[in-house]
């Protein structure tokens, strides 16, 4: 994927749509907190991808508009809040038993 502002905007829009869908699902499932939603890890991964693409774009194109640079910065701030996303028990997934994982993922 070429480093372009258009591609960054498409990725940012995709992430925003994903976040809105995740919020709607949480409401539909009885108002569960987003941090307990099983798709939160995917959301964090998608946000990380958007942030990394934005960082590369800023490094690649020194003539970006300030609006795009600010947008990249806002996504980076948002990612800082979820980059250490852990399970509610604060136990990393790779250390869980199958039963613990199934409980966390609501299976």
C-alpha atoms as a PDB file:
ATOM      1  CA  UNK A   1       0.000   0.000   0.000  1.00  0.00           C
ATOM      2  CA  UNK A   2       1.474   3.293  -1.094  1.00  0.00           C
ATOM      3  CA  UNK A   3       2.045   5.946   1.563  1.00  0.00           C
ATOM      4  CA  UNK A   4      -0.545   8.548   0.637  1.00  0.00           C
ATOM      5  CA  UNK A   5      -2.857  10.868   2.526  1.00  0.00           C
ATOM      6  CA  UNK A   6      -5.823   9.278   0.755  1.00  0.00           C
ATOM      7  CA  UNK A   7      -4.872   5.815   2.013  1.00  0.00           C
ATOM      8  CA  UNK A   8      -4.355   7.156   5.528  1.00  0.00           C
ATOM      9  CA  UNK A   9      -7.802   8.754   5.474  1.00  0.00           C
ATOM     10  CA  UNK A  10      -9.331   5.480   4.254  1.00  0.00           C
ATOM     11  CA  UNK A  11      -7.650   3.594   7.108  1.00  0.00           C
ATOM     12  CA  UNK A  12      -8.723   6.233   9.636  1.00  0.00           C
ATOM     13  CA  UNK A  13     -12.313   6.034   8.383  1.00  0.00           C
ATOM     14  CA  UNK A  14     -12.203   2.240   8.587  1.00  0.00           C
ATOM     15  CA  UNK A  15     -11.030   2.395  12.189  1.00  0.00           C
ATOM     16  CA  UNK A  16     -13.698   4.964  13.084  1.00  0.00           C
ATOM     17  CA  UNK A  17     -16.406   2.787  11.534  1.00  0.00           C
ATOM     18  CA  UNK A  18     -15.059  -0.244  13.417  1.00  0.00           C
ATOM     19  CA  UNK A  19     -15.087   1.668  16.712  1.00  0.00           C
ATOM     20  CA  UNK A  20     -18.680   2.797  16.115  1.00  0.00           C
ATOM     21  CA  UNK A  21     -19.743  -0.762  15.318  1.00  0.00           C
ATOM     22  CA  UNK A  22     -18.035  -2.098  18.445  1.00  0.00           C
ATOM     23  CA  UNK A  23     -19.830   0.530  20.543  1.00  0.00           C
ATOM     24  CA  UNK A  24     -23.176  -0.383  18.996  1.00  0.00           C
ATOM     25  CA  UNK A  25     -22.573  -4.066  19.676  1.00  0.00           C
ATOM     26  CA  UNK A  26     -21.734  -3.312  23.315  1.00  0.00           C
ATOM     27  CA  UNK A  27     -25.007  -1.407  23.677  1.00  0.00           C
ATOM     28  CA  UNK A  28     -26.959  -4.177  21.961  1.00  0.00           C
ATOM     29  CA  UNK A  29     -25.445  -6.787  24.289  1.00  0.00           C
ATOM     30  CA  UNK A  30     -26.903  -5.052  27.289  1.00  0.00           C
ATOM     31  CA  UNK A  31     -24.541  -2.154  27.747  1.00  0.00           C
ATOM     32  CA  UNK A  32     -21.363  -4.096  28.428  1.00  0.00           C
ATOM     33  CA  UNK A  33     -18.269  -1.974  28.919  1.00  0.00           C
ATOM     34  CA  UNK A  34     -16.068  -1.703  25.849  1.00  0.00           C
ATOM     35  CA  UNK A  35     -13.102  -2.987  27.869  1.00  0.00           C
ATOM     36  CA  UNK A  36     -15.038  -6.245  28.371  1.00  0.00           C
ATOM     37  CA  UNK A  37     -16.043  -6.664  24.730  1.00  0.00           C
ATOM     38  CA  UNK A  38     -14.357  -9.597  23.016  1.00  0.00           C
ATOM     39  CA  UNK A  39     -13.535  -7.525  19.908  1.00  0.00           C
ATOM     40  CA  UNK A  40     -11.513  -4.962  21.847  1.00  0.00           C
ATOM     41  CA  UNK A  41      -8.249  -6.630  20.882  1.00  0.00           C
ATOM     42  CA  UNK A  42      -9.077  -6.331  17.178  1.00  0.00           C
ATOM     43  CA  UNK A  43      -9.972  -2.673  17.690  1.00  0.00           C
ATOM     44  CA  UNK A  44      -6.631  -2.053  19.368  1.00  0.00           C
ATOM     45  CA  UNK A  45      -4.803  -3.842  16.563  1.00  0.00           C
ATOM     46  CA  UNK A  46      -6.625  -1.809  13.897  1.00  0.00           C
ATOM     47  CA  UNK A  47      -5.794   1.413  15.743  1.00  0.00           C
ATOM     48  CA  UNK A  48      -2.145   0.376  16.001  1.00  0.00           C
ATOM     49  CA  UNK A  49      -2.052  -0.164  12.235  1.00  0.00           C
ATOM     50  CA  UNK A  50      -3.547   3.285  11.591  1.00  0.00           C
ATOM     51  CA  UNK A  51      -1.031   4.901  13.950  1.00  0.00           C
ATOM     52  CA  UNK A  52       1.952   3.140  12.387  1.00  0.00           C
ATOM     53  CA  UNK A  53       0.796   4.057   8.880  1.00  0.00           C
ATOM     54  CA  UNK A  54       0.376   7.660  10.002  1.00  0.00           C
ATOM     55  CA  UNK A  55       3.857   7.755  11.529  1.00  0.00           C
ATOM     56  CA  UNK A  56       5.389   6.454   8.336  1.00  0.00           C
ATOM     57  CA  UNK A  57       3.420   8.959   6.287  1.00  0.00           C
ATOM     58  CA  UNK A  58       4.632  11.874   8.436  1.00  0.00           C
ATOM     59  CA  UNK A  59       8.243  10.679   8.094  1.00  0.00           C
ATOM     60  CA  UNK A  60       7.886  10.137   4.345  1.00  0.00           C
ATOM     61  CA  UNK A  61       6.096  13.363   3.398  1.00  0.00           C
ATOM     62  CA  UNK A  62       7.540  16.460   5.082  1.00  0.00           C
ATOM     63  CA  UNK A  63       4.978  18.700   3.335  1.00  0.00           C
ATOM     64  CA  UNK A  64       1.864  17.270   4.960  1.00  0.00           C
ATOM     65  CA  UNK A  65      -0.841  19.676   5.991  1.00  0.00           C
ATOM     66  CA  UNK A  66      -0.988  20.465   9.719  1.00  0.00           C
ATOM     67  CA  UNK A  67      -4.471  18.926   9.858  1.00  0.00           C
ATOM     68  CA  UNK A  68      -3.149  15.506   8.834  1.00  0.00           C
ATOM     69  CA  UNK A  69      -0.212  15.742  11.255  1.00  0.00           C
ATOM     70  CA  UNK A  70      -2.649  16.659  14.057  1.00  0.00           C
ATOM     71  CA  UNK A  71      -4.909  13.751  13.109  1.00  0.00           C
ATOM     72  CA  UNK A  72      -1.979  11.351  13.322  1.00  0.00           C
ATOM     73  CA  UNK A  73      -1.186  12.810  16.739  1.00  0.00           C
ATOM     74  CA  UNK A  74      -4.766  12.300  17.958  1.00  0.00           C
ATOM     75  CA  UNK A  75      -4.717   8.656  16.871  1.00  0.00           C
ATOM     76  CA  UNK A  76      -1.374   8.212  18.646  1.00  0.00           C
ATOM     77  CA  UNK A  77      -2.824   9.641  21.873  1.00  0.00           C
ATOM     78  CA  UNK A  78      -5.810   7.329  21.572  1.00  0.00           C
ATOM     79  CA  UNK A  79      -3.522   4.360  20.998  1.00  0.00           C
ATOM     80  CA  UNK A  80      -1.475   5.180  24.115  1.00  0.00           C
ATOM     81  CA  UNK A  81      -4.626   4.507  26.144  1.00  0.00           C
ATOM     82  CA  UNK A  82      -5.113   0.993  24.750  1.00  0.00           C
ATOM     83  CA  UNK A  83      -1.633  -0.193  23.802  1.00  0.00           C
ATOM     84  CA  UNK A  84      -1.243  -2.184  27.018  1.00  0.00           C
ATOM     85  CA  UNK A  85      -4.698  -3.687  26.737  1.00  0.00           C
ATOM     86  CA  UNK A  86      -4.990  -6.669  29.019  1.00  0.00           C
ATOM     87  CA  UNK A  87      -7.748  -8.955  30.149  1.00  0.00           C
ATOM     88  CA  UNK A  88      -9.938  -7.988  33.120  1.00  0.00           C
ATOM     89  CA  UNK A  89      -7.828 -10.246  35.352  1.00  0.00           C
ATOM     90  CA  UNK A  90      -4.686  -8.420  34.140  1.00  0.00           C
ATOM     91  CA  UNK A  91      -3.318 -11.779  33.020  1.00  0.00           C
ATOM     92  CA  UNK A  92      -1.865 -11.916  29.481  1.00  0.00           C
ATOM     93  CA  UNK A  93      -3.773 -14.187  27.116  1.00  0.00           C
ATOM     94  CA  UNK A  94      -0.733 -16.383  26.432  1.00  0.00           C
ATOM     95  CA  UNK A  95      -0.572 -17.287  30.149  1.00  0.00           C
ATOM     96  CA  UNK A  96      -4.241 -18.268  30.471  1.00  0.00           C
ATOM     97  CA  UNK A  97      -5.696 -21.725  30.626  1.00  0.00           C
ATOM     98  CA  UNK A  98      -8.301 -22.619  28.026  1.00  0.00           C
ATOM     99  CA  UNK A  99     -11.065 -22.239  30.602  1.00  0.00           C
ATOM    100  CA  UNK A 100      -9.870 -18.760  31.618  1.00  0.00           C
ATOM    101  CA  UNK A 101      -9.644 -17.705  27.968  1.00  0.00           C
ATOM    102  CA  UNK A 102     -13.142 -18.975  27.180  1.00  0.00           C
ATOM    103  CA  UNK A 103     -14.560 -17.083  30.164  1.00  0.00           C
ATOM    104  CA  UNK A 104     -12.846 -13.831  29.129  1.00  0.00           C
ATOM    105  CA  UNK A 105     -13.969 -14.194  25.522  1.00  0.00           C
ATOM    106  CA  UNK A 106     -17.564 -15.060  26.578  1.00  0.00           C
ATOM    107  CA  UNK A 107     -17.476 -18.400  24.776  1.00  0.00           C
END
